Every structure is written in C-alpha cells, then in structure tokens.
Amino acid sequence: MVYKLFLDADVVIDFFTDREPHVNPASELFELNEQGRVKLFLTAVSINNIYYIVRKFLGHKKTIEVIETLAEMTEILGTTKSEIHQALKNNFSDFEDSIQYSSALTIKDLDAIITRNIKDYKNSSIAVMTPLNFLKMKEYKES
C-alpha cells in the first residue's frame, strides 16, 4: 500500500535543517517516499515558508537547491480562491493551517496530514499525525 501524506511545512523544515529531535522521523518519511512506499504532498504556500526559514540556516543558494530537490520529491498543490474560501469556513484558529487543510481536502484518498502541530488541526476530518505516530501506525499495520 502506498500512503498519500500531506506534509505541513514544519516536517519539511525539520528534514532539511536537521532539527533535533524531529529530524529522524521526518527523514524516514522522505526515505519511504524515495522507496515509493508513500507519496508526499505539500502546497506552494509551504514552499514559500520553507524557503524563508531554511534560508536562515543554509543561505540562499543552498536553499534554492533544497527547493529544487523538494519539487522533484513531492507533489506540490496550488492554492486557489476555492481553498481560501474553504479556509475561511474551517473554524481553525491558525489561518495558515486552515489553508493547508483546505488544500489537503483536494487530494483524493489522502491518508493523513503529517504535522508536529496536531492541535492546530483539531477540526480536521482527515487523520492528523506526527511523523513519529504515522511511522508507528504504519509499522503496526504492516506487522
């Protein structure tokens, strides 16, 4: 089974900046993606945020390389007027996460939203997990 996972920007930033203690579970997700066992999705909005934060760690040139790699490794969703209108109705306390959620809703058969900010997605109709919780669930289902 190939899991479809929507990544919040925090997970991607953990991976590319080696942020402890979160880097290992994030790395495992990207490794599973390389193996074709998961398919990773994120939004163009996340790309902006990832660039802004990762640049502080790696500088402009290296961060552009990171974005190029990320674009090859993932499916990147656009954010349209429809997602913005939906985000306004979601009853999320964090508007950016509401936009992310609205974009995630457009992915057919999405298995989970992967984030470290689970509390921000408390109104989600989609499963929401940390990277570590997803990996444990996957391992359990496959054993």
C-alpha atoms as a PDB file:
ATOM      1  CA  MET A   1       0.000   0.000   0.000  1.00  0.00           C
ATOM      2  CA  VAL A   2       1.249   3.464  -0.910  1.00  0.00           C
ATOM      3  CA  TYR A   3       0.172   6.028   1.664  1.00  0.00           C
ATOM      4  CA  LYS A   4      -0.742   9.520   0.499  1.00  0.00           C
ATOM      5  CA  LEU A   5       0.536  12.040   3.020  1.00  0.00           C
ATOM      6  CA  PHE A   6       0.108  15.789   3.148  1.00  0.00           C
ATOM      7  CA  LEU A   7       3.119  17.391   4.848  1.00  0.00           C
ATOM      8  CA  ASP A   8       2.928  20.526   6.901  1.00  0.00           C
ATOM      9  CA  ALA A   9       5.950  22.795   6.385  1.00  0.00           C
ATOM     10  CA  ASP A  10       7.351  22.095   9.870  1.00  0.00           C
ATOM     11  CA  VAL A  11       8.102  18.475   8.920  1.00  0.00           C
ATOM     12  CA  VAL A  12       9.953  19.510   5.756  1.00  0.00           C
ATOM     13  CA  ILE A  13      11.940  22.149   7.651  1.00  0.00           C
ATOM     14  CA  ASP A  14      12.905  19.542  10.269  1.00  0.00           C
ATOM     15  CA  PHE A  15      14.264  17.321   7.494  1.00  0.00           C
ATOM     16  CA  PHE A  16      16.287  19.927   5.607  1.00  0.00           C
ATOM     17  CA  THR A  17      17.683  21.718   8.667  1.00  0.00           C
ATOM     18  CA  ASP A  18      18.416  18.586  10.748  1.00  0.00           C
ATOM     19  CA  ARG A  19      16.263  19.970  13.560  1.00  0.00           C
ATOM     20  CA  GLU A  20      16.558  17.740  16.601  1.00  0.00           C
ATOM     21  CA  PRO A  21      14.792  15.749  17.894  1.00  0.00           C
ATOM     22  CA  HIS A  22      12.467  15.766  14.876  1.00  0.00           C
ATOM     23  CA  VAL A  23      14.870  15.113  12.014  1.00  0.00           C
ATOM     24  CA  ASN A  24      14.888  11.287  12.181  1.00  0.00           C
ATOM     25  CA  PRO A  25      11.124  10.704  11.792  1.00  0.00           C
ATOM     26  CA  ALA A  26      10.998  13.355   9.039  1.00  0.00           C
ATOM     27  CA  SER A  27      13.948  11.687   7.295  1.00  0.00           C
ATOM     28  CA  GLU A  28      12.177   8.328   7.452  1.00  0.00           C
ATOM     29  CA  LEU A  29       9.167   9.816   5.649  1.00  0.00           C
ATOM     30  CA  PHE A  30      11.373  11.124   2.849  1.00  0.00           C
ATOM     31  CA  GLU A  31      13.139   7.757   2.651  1.00  0.00           C
ATOM     32  CA  LEU A  32       9.773   5.988   2.336  1.00  0.00           C
ATOM     33  CA  ASN A  33       8.911   8.464  -0.416  1.00  0.00           C
ATOM     34  CA  GLU A  34      12.141   7.599  -2.267  1.00  0.00           C
ATOM     35  CA  GLN A  35      11.222   3.904  -1.970  1.00  0.00           C
ATOM     36  CA  GLY A  36       7.766   4.582  -3.440  1.00  0.00           C
ATOM     37  CA  ARG A  37       6.015   3.477  -0.230  1.00  0.00           C
ATOM     38  CA  VAL A  38       4.486   6.897   0.447  1.00  0.00           C
ATOM     39  CA  LYS A  39       3.567   9.797  -1.795  1.00  0.00           C
ATOM     40  CA  LEU A  40       4.200  13.236  -0.296  1.00  0.00           C
ATOM     41  CA  PHE A  41       2.119  16.332  -0.989  1.00  0.00           C
ATOM     42  CA  LEU A  42       2.572  19.947   0.037  1.00  0.00           C
ATOM     43  CA  THR A  43       1.397  23.331  -1.079  1.00  0.00           C
ATOM     44  CA  ALA A  44       3.077  26.178  -2.881  1.00  0.00           C
ATOM     45  CA  VAL A  45       2.319  28.217   0.252  1.00  0.00           C
ATOM     46  CA  SER A  46       4.535  25.791   2.176  1.00  0.00           C
ATOM     47  CA  ILE A  47       7.327  26.228  -0.357  1.00  0.00           C
ATOM     48  CA  ASN A  48       7.405  29.958   0.438  1.00  0.00           C
ATOM     49  CA  ASN A  49       7.553  29.287   4.175  1.00  0.00           C
ATOM     50  CA  ILE A  50      10.157  26.547   3.796  1.00  0.00           C
ATOM     51  CA  TYR A  51      12.376  28.798   1.694  1.00  0.00           C
ATOM     52  CA  TYR A  52      12.113  31.655   4.188  1.00  0.00           C
ATOM     53  CA  ILE A  53      13.062  29.541   7.212  1.00  0.00           C
ATOM     54  CA  VAL A  54      15.608  27.178   5.631  1.00  0.00           C
ATOM     55  CA  ARG A  55      17.439  30.144   4.080  1.00  0.00           C
ATOM     56  CA  LYS A  56      18.302  31.332   7.594  1.00  0.00           C
ATOM     57  CA  PHE A  57      20.128  28.035   8.167  1.00  0.00           C
ATOM     58  CA  LEU A  58      21.619  27.323   4.746  1.00  0.00           C
ATOM     59  CA  GLY A  59      21.724  30.598   2.816  1.00  0.00           C
ATOM     60  CA  HIS A  60      20.003  31.475  -0.456  1.00  0.00           C
ATOM     61  CA  LYS A  61      21.973  29.312  -2.908  1.00  0.00           C
ATOM     62  CA  LYS A  62      21.770  26.077  -0.892  1.00  0.00           C
ATOM     63  CA  THR A  63      18.094  26.717  -0.096  1.00  0.00           C
ATOM     64  CA  ILE A  64      17.291  27.056  -3.803  1.00  0.00           C
ATOM     65  CA  GLU A  65      18.889  23.618  -4.263  1.00  0.00           C
ATOM     66  CA  VAL A  66      16.695  22.327  -1.419  1.00  0.00           C
ATOM     67  CA  ILE A  67      13.572  23.704  -3.126  1.00  0.00           C
ATOM     68  CA  GLU A  68      14.597  22.116  -6.438  1.00  0.00           C
ATOM     69  CA  THR A  69      15.041  18.758  -4.681  1.00  0.00           C
ATOM     70  CA  LEU A  70      11.750  19.165  -2.863  1.00  0.00           C
ATOM     71  CA  ALA A  71       9.940  19.915  -6.128  1.00  0.00           C
ATOM     72  CA  GLU A  72      11.298  16.657  -7.573  1.00  0.00           C
ATOM     73  CA  MET A  73      10.414  14.578  -4.493  1.00  0.00           C
ATOM     74  CA  THR A  74       6.860  15.765  -3.841  1.00  0.00           C
ATOM     75  CA  GLU A  75       3.593  16.745  -5.436  1.00  0.00           C
ATOM     76  CA  ILE A  76       3.050  20.485  -4.993  1.00  0.00           C
ATOM     77  CA  LEU A  77      -0.521  21.748  -4.851  1.00  0.00           C
ATOM     78  CA  GLY A  78      -1.619  25.219  -5.815  1.00  0.00           C
ATOM     79  CA  THR A  79      -3.814  27.324  -3.588  1.00  0.00           C
ATOM     80  CA  THR A  80      -6.820  28.766  -5.348  1.00  0.00           C
ATOM     81  CA  LYS A  81      -9.660  31.054  -4.436  1.00  0.00           C
ATOM     82  CA  SER A  82     -11.698  27.954  -3.630  1.00  0.00           C
ATOM     83  CA  GLU A  83      -9.222  26.813  -0.946  1.00  0.00           C
ATOM     84  CA  ILE A  84      -9.143  30.330   0.536  1.00  0.00           C
ATOM     85  CA  HIS A  85     -12.945  30.428   0.749  1.00  0.00           C
ATOM     86  CA  GLN A  86     -12.942  26.976   2.343  1.00  0.00           C
ATOM     87  CA  ALA A  87     -10.213  28.070   4.791  1.00  0.00           C
ATOM     88  CA  LEU A  88     -12.395  30.953   5.938  1.00  0.00           C
ATOM     89  CA  LYS A  89     -15.112  28.432   6.887  1.00  0.00           C
ATOM     90  CA  ASN A  90     -12.969  25.754   8.582  1.00  0.00           C
ATOM     91  CA  ASN A  91     -13.112  27.138  12.117  1.00  0.00           C
ATOM     92  CA  PHE A  92      -9.342  26.788  12.595  1.00  0.00           C
ATOM     93  CA  SER A  93      -7.569  29.153  14.987  1.00  0.00           C
ATOM     94  CA  ASP A  94      -4.472  29.298  12.717  1.00  0.00           C
ATOM     95  CA  PHE A  95      -5.434  30.620   9.276  1.00  0.00           C
ATOM     96  CA  GLU A  96      -2.319  29.303   7.529  1.00  0.00           C
ATOM     97  CA  ASP A  97      -3.099  25.799   8.800  1.00  0.00           C
ATOM     98  CA  SER A  98      -6.685  26.278   7.648  1.00  0.00           C
ATOM     99  CA  ILE A  99      -5.378  26.987   4.127  1.00  0.00           C
ATOM    100  CA  GLN A 100      -3.163  23.895   4.334  1.00  0.00           C
ATOM    101  CA  TYR A 101      -6.137  21.815   5.434  1.00  0.00           C
ATOM    102  CA  SER A 102      -8.328  23.175   2.630  1.00  0.00           C
ATOM    103  CA  SER A 103      -5.636  22.188   0.142  1.00  0.00           C
ATOM    104  CA  ALA A 104      -5.313  18.731   1.707  1.00  0.00           C
ATOM    105  CA  LEU A 105      -9.060  18.234   1.202  1.00  0.00           C
ATOM    106  CA  THR A 106      -8.498  18.352  -2.571  1.00  0.00           C
ATOM    107  CA  ILE A 107      -6.297  15.218  -2.551  1.00  0.00           C
ATOM    108  CA  LYS A 108      -8.286  12.123  -3.457  1.00  0.00           C
ATOM    109  CA  ASP A 109      -7.861   9.269  -0.951  1.00  0.00           C
ATOM    110  CA  LEU A 110      -5.453  11.190   1.280  1.00  0.00           C
ATOM    111  CA  ASP A 111      -4.418   9.037   4.243  1.00  0.00           C
ATOM    112  CA  ALA A 112      -3.160  11.667   6.668  1.00  0.00           C
ATOM    113  CA  ILE A 113      -1.915  15.151   7.335  1.00  0.00           C
ATOM    114  CA  ILE A 114       1.553  14.944   8.876  1.00  0.00           C
ATOM    115  CA  THR A 115       2.485  17.778  11.225  1.00  0.00           C
ATOM    116  CA  ARG A 116       4.005  18.454  14.617  1.00  0.00           C
ATOM    117  CA  ASN A 117       1.155  20.905  15.335  1.00  0.00           C
ATOM    118  CA  ILE A 118      -1.683  18.423  15.762  1.00  0.00           C
ATOM    119  CA  LYS A 119      -3.665  20.801  17.982  1.00  0.00           C
ATOM    120  CA  ASP A 120      -3.959  23.248  15.074  1.00  0.00           C
ATOM    121  CA  TYR A 121      -5.882  20.607  13.093  1.00  0.00           C
ATOM    122  CA  LYS A 122      -8.345  19.582  15.811  1.00  0.00           C
ATOM    123  CA  ASN A 123     -11.315  20.206  13.469  1.00  0.00           C
ATOM    124  CA  SER A 124      -9.880  18.023  10.699  1.00  0.00           C
ATOM    125  CA  SER A 125     -11.975  15.301   9.079  1.00  0.00           C
ATOM    126  CA  ILE A 126      -8.690  13.794   7.809  1.00  0.00           C
ATOM    127  CA  ALA A 127      -6.401  11.802  10.117  1.00  0.00           C
ATOM    128  CA  VAL A 128      -3.706  14.064  11.588  1.00  0.00           C
ATOM    129  CA  MET A 129      -0.476  12.570  12.928  1.00  0.00           C
ATOM    130  CA  THR A 130       3.044  13.472  13.872  1.00  0.00           C
ATOM    131  CA  PRO A 131       5.715  11.860  11.707  1.00  0.00           C
ATOM    132  CA  LEU A 132       6.596   9.516  14.570  1.00  0.00           C
ATOM    133  CA  ASN A 133       2.966   8.489  15.140  1.00  0.00           C
ATOM    134  CA  PHE A 134       2.494   7.802  11.430  1.00  0.00           C
ATOM    135  CA  LEU A 135       5.610   5.617  11.354  1.00  0.00           C
ATOM    136  CA  LYS A 136       4.411   3.650  14.399  1.00  0.00           C
ATOM    137  CA  MET A 137       0.942   3.199  12.869  1.00  0.00           C
ATOM    138  CA  LYS A 138       2.445   2.068   9.569  1.00  0.00           C
ATOM    139  CA  GLU A 139       4.724  -0.411  11.298  1.00  0.00           C
ATOM    140  CA  TYR A 140       1.813  -1.789  13.332  1.00  0.00           C
ATOM    141  CA  LYS A 141      -0.394  -2.241  10.244  1.00  0.00           C
ATOM    142  CA  GLU A 142       2.392  -3.973   8.339  1.00  0.00           C
ATOM    143  CA  SER A 143       3.352  -6.400  11.123  1.00  0.00           C
END
